[in-house]
Amino acid sequence: MESIKVFAPATVANVTCGFDILGFAIDEPGDEIILRKTDSKEVIISKITGDDGKLPHDADKNTCGVVIRKFLKDLQIDQGIDIELHKMMPLGSGLGSSAASSVAAIFAINELLGQPKTIDELLPYAMEGERAASGAAHADNVAPSLLGGFVLIRSYDPLDTIKLPVPNNLYATIIHPQIEVKTKDAREILRKEIQFRDSVKQSGNVAGLIAGLLLPDMQLLSRSLHDHIVEPIRSILIPGYDEVKSAALGKGALGAGISGSGPSIFALSDSKTIAENCGEEMSKAFASLEIESEVYVSQVNTNGPKIIN
């Protein structure tokens, strides 16, 4: 194989009560990457589209280049690689944009070289891509993008991730408003300490959410999709958040919350029809505030990245 084209999906991290420990993948949007072997023995980024010129072409600074260079170095393979990255999702959307690029890169190079490592062994490389992008090697976006489905990050030291079962009739509605919420700002406004009673309630909801997926029990899942710690603070950064969330719940969503650090908002539903209706109402809510938005509806993506012929 001399070249390969791969798609890696966007993700929803936190999932209300699961701050930094839960995430799930969706069918769209996502990123595409094309890798080509070269004789130069260098890793270069020849083309990036869809980023409005914001991403670095320097392979030492770009998530894709960082991931691939580390992979080749660890395998002691002296192979030149040309990278073409096509961003098919907005930057800073709260949908794991850098994670999708990192996952596409590591999955593609592993396939291109004949799968020298297992999927689970690729996760630390994808996390290094996140470190290059944000300064922290977090996994709540890269893990579901790479592994597919719902993923629980139980521990970072040692790294311990668990892929959870997903009910067949679980659908996600994602709305991305044309506003910007900087991850740095969303982190800085968080409380440094929380009340013990809030921790207990949050733990109960995390346990209930996981149990709802395992059983499966949609009503238990719905009762558990509540965030007592992060959402009340971060939601103030998203104009119209309460109205948009209420619009989704009013159309029958099981629950809704902030995707990652925002500004995207997600809702989970137990049918495609409800998910589509939620999207329409959520879009109307933003439109009433003169905020343009994009809506994506899909089942939870249980497959992760894929090769495109």
Protein backbone atom coordinates (compact mmCIF):
# COMPACT_ATOMS: atom_id res chain seq x y z
CA MET A 1 0.00 0.00 0.00
CA GLU A 2 1.48 3.35 -1.08
CA SER A 3 -1.32 5.67 0.06
CA ILE A 4 -4.43 5.67 2.21
CA LYS A 5 -7.45 7.88 2.89
CA VAL A 6 -9.13 7.77 6.31
CA PHE A 7 -12.12 9.43 7.98
CA ALA A 8 -12.25 9.95 11.76
CA PRO A 9 -15.47 11.06 13.50
CA ALA A 10 -16.26 14.02 15.70
CA THR A 11 -17.11 13.36 19.33
CA VAL A 12 -19.12 14.63 22.27
CA ALA A 13 -17.08 14.78 25.48
CA ASN A 14 -18.23 15.12 29.11
CA VAL A 15 -21.83 13.98 28.30
CA THR A 16 -23.33 16.17 31.06
CA CYS A 17 -22.29 14.48 34.34
CA GLY A 18 -19.18 12.73 32.94
CA PHE A 19 -16.78 15.67 32.95
CA ASP A 20 -13.42 14.58 31.48
CA ILE A 21 -14.29 10.86 31.81
CA LEU A 22 -17.04 10.18 29.25
CA GLY A 23 -17.37 10.69 25.51
CA PHE A 24 -19.12 9.25 22.48
CA ALA A 25 -18.56 9.33 18.72
CA ILE A 26 -21.01 10.52 16.07
CA ASP A 27 -21.28 9.78 12.34
CA GLU A 28 -20.68 13.34 11.20
CA PRO A 29 -18.94 15.72 11.00
CA GLY A 30 -15.32 14.54 11.09
CA ASP A 31 -11.93 14.88 9.43
CA GLU A 32 -10.33 13.19 6.44
CA ILE A 33 -6.63 12.52 5.98
CA ILE A 34 -4.63 11.23 3.03
CA LEU A 35 -1.18 9.75 3.62
CA ARG A 36 1.28 8.94 0.85
CA LYS A 37 4.63 7.20 1.17
CA THR A 38 7.54 9.19 -0.23
CA ASP A 39 11.26 8.63 -0.77
CA SER A 40 12.25 11.78 1.13
CA LYS A 41 12.39 10.15 4.59
CA GLU A 42 10.61 13.24 5.94
CA VAL A 43 7.13 13.76 7.36
CA ILE A 44 5.64 16.78 5.62
CA ILE A 45 2.21 18.39 5.49
CA SER A 46 1.58 19.35 1.89
CA LYS A 47 -2.03 20.48 2.14
CA ILE A 48 -4.67 21.52 4.71
CA THR A 49 -8.21 22.53 3.77
CA GLY A 50 -11.19 23.73 5.79
CA ASP A 51 -9.18 25.50 8.50
CA ASP A 52 -9.18 29.06 7.11
CA GLY A 53 -5.39 29.00 7.31
CA LYS A 54 -5.34 28.63 11.10
CA LEU A 55 -3.49 25.31 11.44
CA PRO A 56 0.32 25.01 11.21
CA HIS A 57 1.90 23.20 8.27
CA ASP A 58 4.98 22.48 10.39
CA ALA A 59 4.85 18.74 11.17
CA ASP A 60 6.44 19.39 14.57
CA LYS A 61 3.51 21.62 15.58
CA ASN A 62 0.54 20.06 13.79
CA THR A 63 -1.33 17.26 15.58
CA CYS A 64 -1.11 14.94 12.56
CA GLY A 65 2.61 15.46 12.11
CA VAL A 66 3.36 15.02 15.82
CA VAL A 67 1.42 11.74 15.97
CA ILE A 68 2.96 10.24 12.84
CA ARG A 69 6.52 11.27 13.69
CA LYS A 70 6.31 9.73 17.16
CA PHE A 71 4.82 6.52 15.72
CA LEU A 72 7.59 6.16 13.14
CA LYS A 73 10.28 6.96 15.71
CA ASP A 74 8.99 4.36 18.17
CA LEU A 75 8.89 1.71 15.43
CA GLN A 76 12.32 2.81 14.21
CA ILE A 77 10.96 3.13 10.68
CA ASP A 78 12.67 5.63 8.36
CA GLN A 79 9.73 6.26 6.03
CA GLY A 80 8.83 9.52 4.29
CA ILE A 81 5.15 10.49 4.60
CA ASP A 82 3.20 13.21 2.81
CA ILE A 83 0.11 14.37 4.75
CA GLU A 84 -3.04 15.92 3.32
CA LEU A 85 -5.56 17.01 5.97
CA HIS A 86 -9.14 17.98 5.16
CA LYS A 87 -10.95 19.60 8.08
CA MET A 88 -14.63 18.83 7.61
CA MET A 89 -15.71 20.23 10.94
CA PRO A 90 -15.42 23.67 12.57
CA LEU A 91 -12.42 24.46 14.77
CA GLY A 92 -13.18 25.25 18.41
CA SER A 93 -16.64 23.72 18.11
CA GLY A 94 -16.59 21.49 21.19
CA LEU A 95 -16.77 18.47 18.88
CA GLY A 96 -13.20 17.24 19.22
CA SER A 97 -11.71 18.80 16.10
CA SER A 98 -8.07 18.20 17.08
CA ALA A 99 -8.98 14.72 18.31
CA ALA A 100 -10.46 13.74 14.95
CA SER A 101 -7.26 14.86 13.20
CA SER A 102 -5.08 12.96 15.66
CA VAL A 103 -7.14 9.79 15.36
CA ALA A 104 -7.28 9.97 11.57
CA ALA A 105 -3.49 10.33 11.49
CA ILE A 106 -2.61 7.46 13.82
CA PHE A 107 -5.19 5.09 12.37
CA ALA A 108 -4.05 5.87 8.82
CA ILE A 109 -0.31 5.44 9.46
CA ASN A 110 -0.92 2.16 11.31
CA GLU A 111 -2.96 0.83 8.38
CA LEU A 112 -0.48 2.14 5.81
CA LEU A 113 2.35 0.24 7.52
CA GLY A 114 0.42 -3.02 7.86
CA GLN A 115 -1.09 -2.67 11.35
CA PRO A 116 2.05 -3.09 13.51
CA LYS A 117 0.00 -2.05 16.56
CA THR A 118 -3.46 -2.86 17.89
CA ILE A 119 -6.21 -0.25 18.09
CA ASP A 120 -5.80 0.02 21.87
CA GLU A 121 -2.06 0.61 21.44
CA LEU A 122 -2.81 3.58 19.17
CA LEU A 123 -4.64 5.55 21.86
CA PRO A 124 -1.55 7.02 23.61
CA TYR A 125 -0.34 8.34 20.22
CA ALA A 126 -3.67 10.06 19.58
CA MET A 127 -3.43 11.57 23.06
CA GLU A 128 -0.04 13.04 22.15
CA GLY A 129 -1.78 14.81 19.28
CA GLU A 130 -4.14 16.34 21.82
CA ARG A 131 -1.16 17.43 23.90
CA ALA A 132 0.29 19.21 20.87
CA ALA A 133 -3.03 20.96 20.23
CA SER A 134 -4.06 21.97 23.74
CA GLY A 135 -1.18 21.24 26.09
CA ALA A 136 -2.97 18.31 27.77
CA ALA A 137 -3.03 14.67 26.66
CA HIS A 138 -6.68 14.09 27.53
CA ALA A 139 -8.61 11.12 26.13
CA ASP A 140 -12.31 11.95 26.38
CA ASN A 141 -12.42 12.92 22.68
CA VAL A 142 -9.71 10.76 21.12
CA ALA A 143 -10.81 7.54 22.84
CA PRO A 144 -14.37 7.49 21.44
CA SER A 145 -13.17 8.77 18.05
CA LEU A 146 -10.65 5.91 17.86
CA LEU A 147 -12.61 3.13 19.54
CA GLY A 148 -16.11 4.18 18.54
CA GLY A 149 -19.23 4.27 20.70
CA PHE A 150 -19.40 5.44 24.32
CA VAL A 151 -16.09 5.32 26.17
CA LEU A 152 -15.35 5.70 29.87
CA ILE A 153 -11.89 6.91 30.88
CA ARG A 154 -11.58 5.31 34.31
CA SER A 155 -7.98 6.36 34.90
CA TYR A 156 -5.05 8.14 33.27
CA ASP A 157 -2.34 6.68 35.49
CA PRO A 158 -2.37 3.97 34.39
CA LEU A 159 -4.48 4.64 31.29
CA ASP A 160 -7.67 2.59 31.58
CA THR A 161 -10.53 3.02 29.10
CA ILE A 162 -13.73 0.99 28.81
CA LYS A 163 -15.92 0.86 25.73
CA LEU A 164 -19.55 0.74 26.81
CA PRO A 165 -22.47 -0.84 24.94
CA VAL A 166 -24.81 1.49 23.07
CA PRO A 167 -28.57 0.87 22.69
CA ASN A 168 -29.52 0.42 19.04
CA ASN A 169 -32.16 3.14 19.15
CA LEU A 170 -30.00 5.85 20.73
CA TYR A 171 -29.65 8.93 18.51
CA ALA A 172 -27.66 12.10 18.96
CA THR A 173 -28.58 15.60 17.83
CA ILE A 174 -25.70 18.07 17.68
CA ILE A 175 -26.13 21.77 17.04
CA HIS A 176 -23.15 24.02 16.43
CA PRO A 177 -23.93 27.76 16.72
CA GLN A 178 -21.75 30.27 14.88
CA ILE A 179 -20.22 31.65 18.05
CA GLU A 180 -16.85 31.03 19.70
CA VAL A 181 -16.12 29.67 23.16
CA LYS A 182 -12.41 29.39 23.89
CA THR A 183 -11.45 26.18 25.72
CA LYS A 184 -9.09 28.21 27.89
CA ASP A 185 -11.95 30.45 29.03
CA ALA A 186 -14.23 27.47 29.61
CA ARG A 187 -11.56 25.90 31.83
CA GLU A 188 -10.66 29.04 33.76
CA ILE A 189 -14.21 29.76 34.94
CA LEU A 190 -14.63 26.36 36.56
CA ARG A 191 -14.75 26.23 40.34
CA LYS A 192 -11.59 24.93 41.98
CA GLU A 193 -13.59 23.27 44.76
CA ILE A 194 -17.06 21.71 44.87
CA GLN A 195 -19.52 20.90 47.64
CA PHE A 196 -19.51 17.30 48.89
CA ARG A 197 -23.25 16.99 48.24
CA ASP A 198 -22.75 18.02 44.61
CA SER A 199 -20.05 15.38 44.22
CA VAL A 200 -22.41 12.72 45.56
CA LYS A 201 -25.21 13.76 43.18
CA GLN A 202 -22.81 13.88 40.24
CA SER A 203 -21.41 10.43 41.05
CA GLY A 204 -24.91 9.02 41.20
CA ASN A 205 -25.69 10.43 37.77
CA VAL A 206 -22.48 9.06 36.24
CA ALA A 207 -23.26 5.62 37.66
CA GLY A 208 -26.86 5.88 36.48
CA LEU A 209 -25.82 6.91 32.97
CA ILE A 210 -23.47 3.95 32.65
CA ALA A 211 -26.10 1.58 34.08
CA GLY A 212 -28.64 3.00 31.63
CA LEU A 213 -26.36 2.11 28.74
CA LEU A 214 -25.61 -1.36 30.09
CA LEU A 215 -29.16 -2.49 30.88
CA PRO A 216 -30.28 -0.76 28.52
CA ASP A 217 -32.79 1.51 30.26
CA MET A 218 -33.63 4.74 28.44
CA GLN A 219 -35.56 6.25 31.33
CA LEU A 220 -32.68 5.64 33.72
CA LEU A 221 -30.37 7.19 31.15
CA SER A 222 -32.69 10.20 30.94
CA ARG A 223 -32.84 10.64 34.72
CA SER A 224 -29.03 10.55 34.83
CA LEU A 225 -28.29 13.13 32.13
CA HIS A 226 -27.86 16.02 34.56
CA ASP A 227 -24.78 18.03 35.45
CA HIS A 228 -24.74 19.75 38.85
CA ILE A 229 -21.16 21.01 38.67
CA VAL A 230 -19.91 22.21 35.27
CA GLU A 231 -22.97 23.06 33.15
CA PRO A 232 -24.38 25.76 35.48
CA ILE A 233 -21.11 27.68 35.08
CA ARG A 234 -20.14 27.00 31.45
CA SER A 235 -23.64 27.57 30.09
CA ILE A 236 -23.28 31.32 30.69
CA LEU A 237 -20.70 31.39 27.88
CA ILE A 238 -23.31 30.17 25.34
CA PRO A 239 -26.02 32.71 24.44
CA GLY A 240 -29.46 31.10 24.43
CA TYR A 241 -28.25 27.90 26.06
CA ASP A 242 -31.27 27.45 28.34
CA GLU A 243 -33.70 28.11 25.48
CA VAL A 244 -31.94 25.64 23.17
CA LYS A 245 -31.80 22.93 25.81
CA SER A 246 -35.47 23.47 26.69
CA ALA A 247 -36.35 23.22 22.99
CA ALA A 248 -34.75 19.77 22.80
CA LEU A 249 -36.38 18.52 26.00
CA GLY A 250 -39.71 19.88 24.84
CA LYS A 251 -39.53 17.69 21.73
CA GLY A 252 -38.87 14.54 23.74
CA ALA A 253 -35.09 14.37 24.12
CA LEU A 254 -33.85 12.11 26.91
CA GLY A 255 -31.44 14.82 27.94
CA ALA A 256 -29.18 17.55 26.61
CA GLY A 257 -25.99 19.32 27.53
CA ILE A 258 -22.84 21.09 26.40
CA SER A 259 -20.61 19.19 23.99
CA GLY A 260 -17.06 19.39 25.32
CA SER A 261 -16.37 22.97 26.35
CA GLY A 262 -18.96 24.30 23.86
CA PRO A 263 -20.40 26.12 22.07
CA SER A 264 -21.99 23.01 20.49
CA ILE A 265 -24.93 21.49 22.34
CA PHE A 266 -25.99 17.85 22.14
CA ALA A 267 -29.23 16.01 22.85
CA LEU A 268 -29.84 12.27 23.09
CA SER A 269 -33.10 10.69 21.94
CA ASP A 270 -34.57 7.21 21.62
CA SER A 271 -35.66 7.58 17.99
CA LYS A 272 -34.46 9.23 14.80
CA THR A 273 -37.71 11.15 14.42
CA ILE A 274 -37.40 12.71 17.86
CA ALA A 275 -33.74 13.51 17.22
CA GLU A 276 -34.61 15.29 13.96
CA ASN A 277 -37.46 17.20 15.61
CA CYS A 278 -35.09 18.27 18.38
CA GLY A 279 -32.67 19.58 15.79
CA GLU A 280 -35.34 21.70 14.15
CA GLU A 281 -36.48 23.24 17.42
CA MET A 282 -32.95 23.84 18.68
CA SER A 283 -32.12 25.60 15.42
CA LYS A 284 -35.23 27.77 15.76
CA ALA A 285 -34.18 28.73 19.28
CA PHE A 286 -30.80 29.97 18.07
CA ALA A 287 -32.41 31.66 15.06
CA SER A 288 -34.69 33.64 17.39
CA LEU A 289 -31.47 35.14 18.81
CA GLU A 290 -30.16 35.77 15.28
CA ILE A 291 -27.47 33.10 15.71
CA GLU A 292 -26.83 30.85 12.73
CA SER A 293 -26.23 27.17 13.41
CA GLU A 294 -25.55 23.77 11.87
CA VAL A 295 -27.37 20.59 12.93
CA TYR A 296 -26.13 16.99 12.74
CA VAL A 297 -28.27 13.95 13.53
CA SER A 298 -26.92 10.42 13.75
CA GLN A 299 -26.86 7.26 15.78
CA VAL A 300 -23.90 6.93 18.12
CA ASN A 301 -20.99 5.89 15.89
CA THR A 302 -19.78 2.55 17.26
CA ASN A 303 -17.11 1.97 14.58
CA GLY A 304 -14.69 4.87 14.96
CA PRO A 305 -12.38 5.72 12.01
CA LYS A 306 -12.72 4.09 8.61
CA ILE A 307 -10.77 3.69 5.40
CA ILE A 308 -12.28 5.49 2.41
CA ASN A 309 -11.81 3.82 -0.97
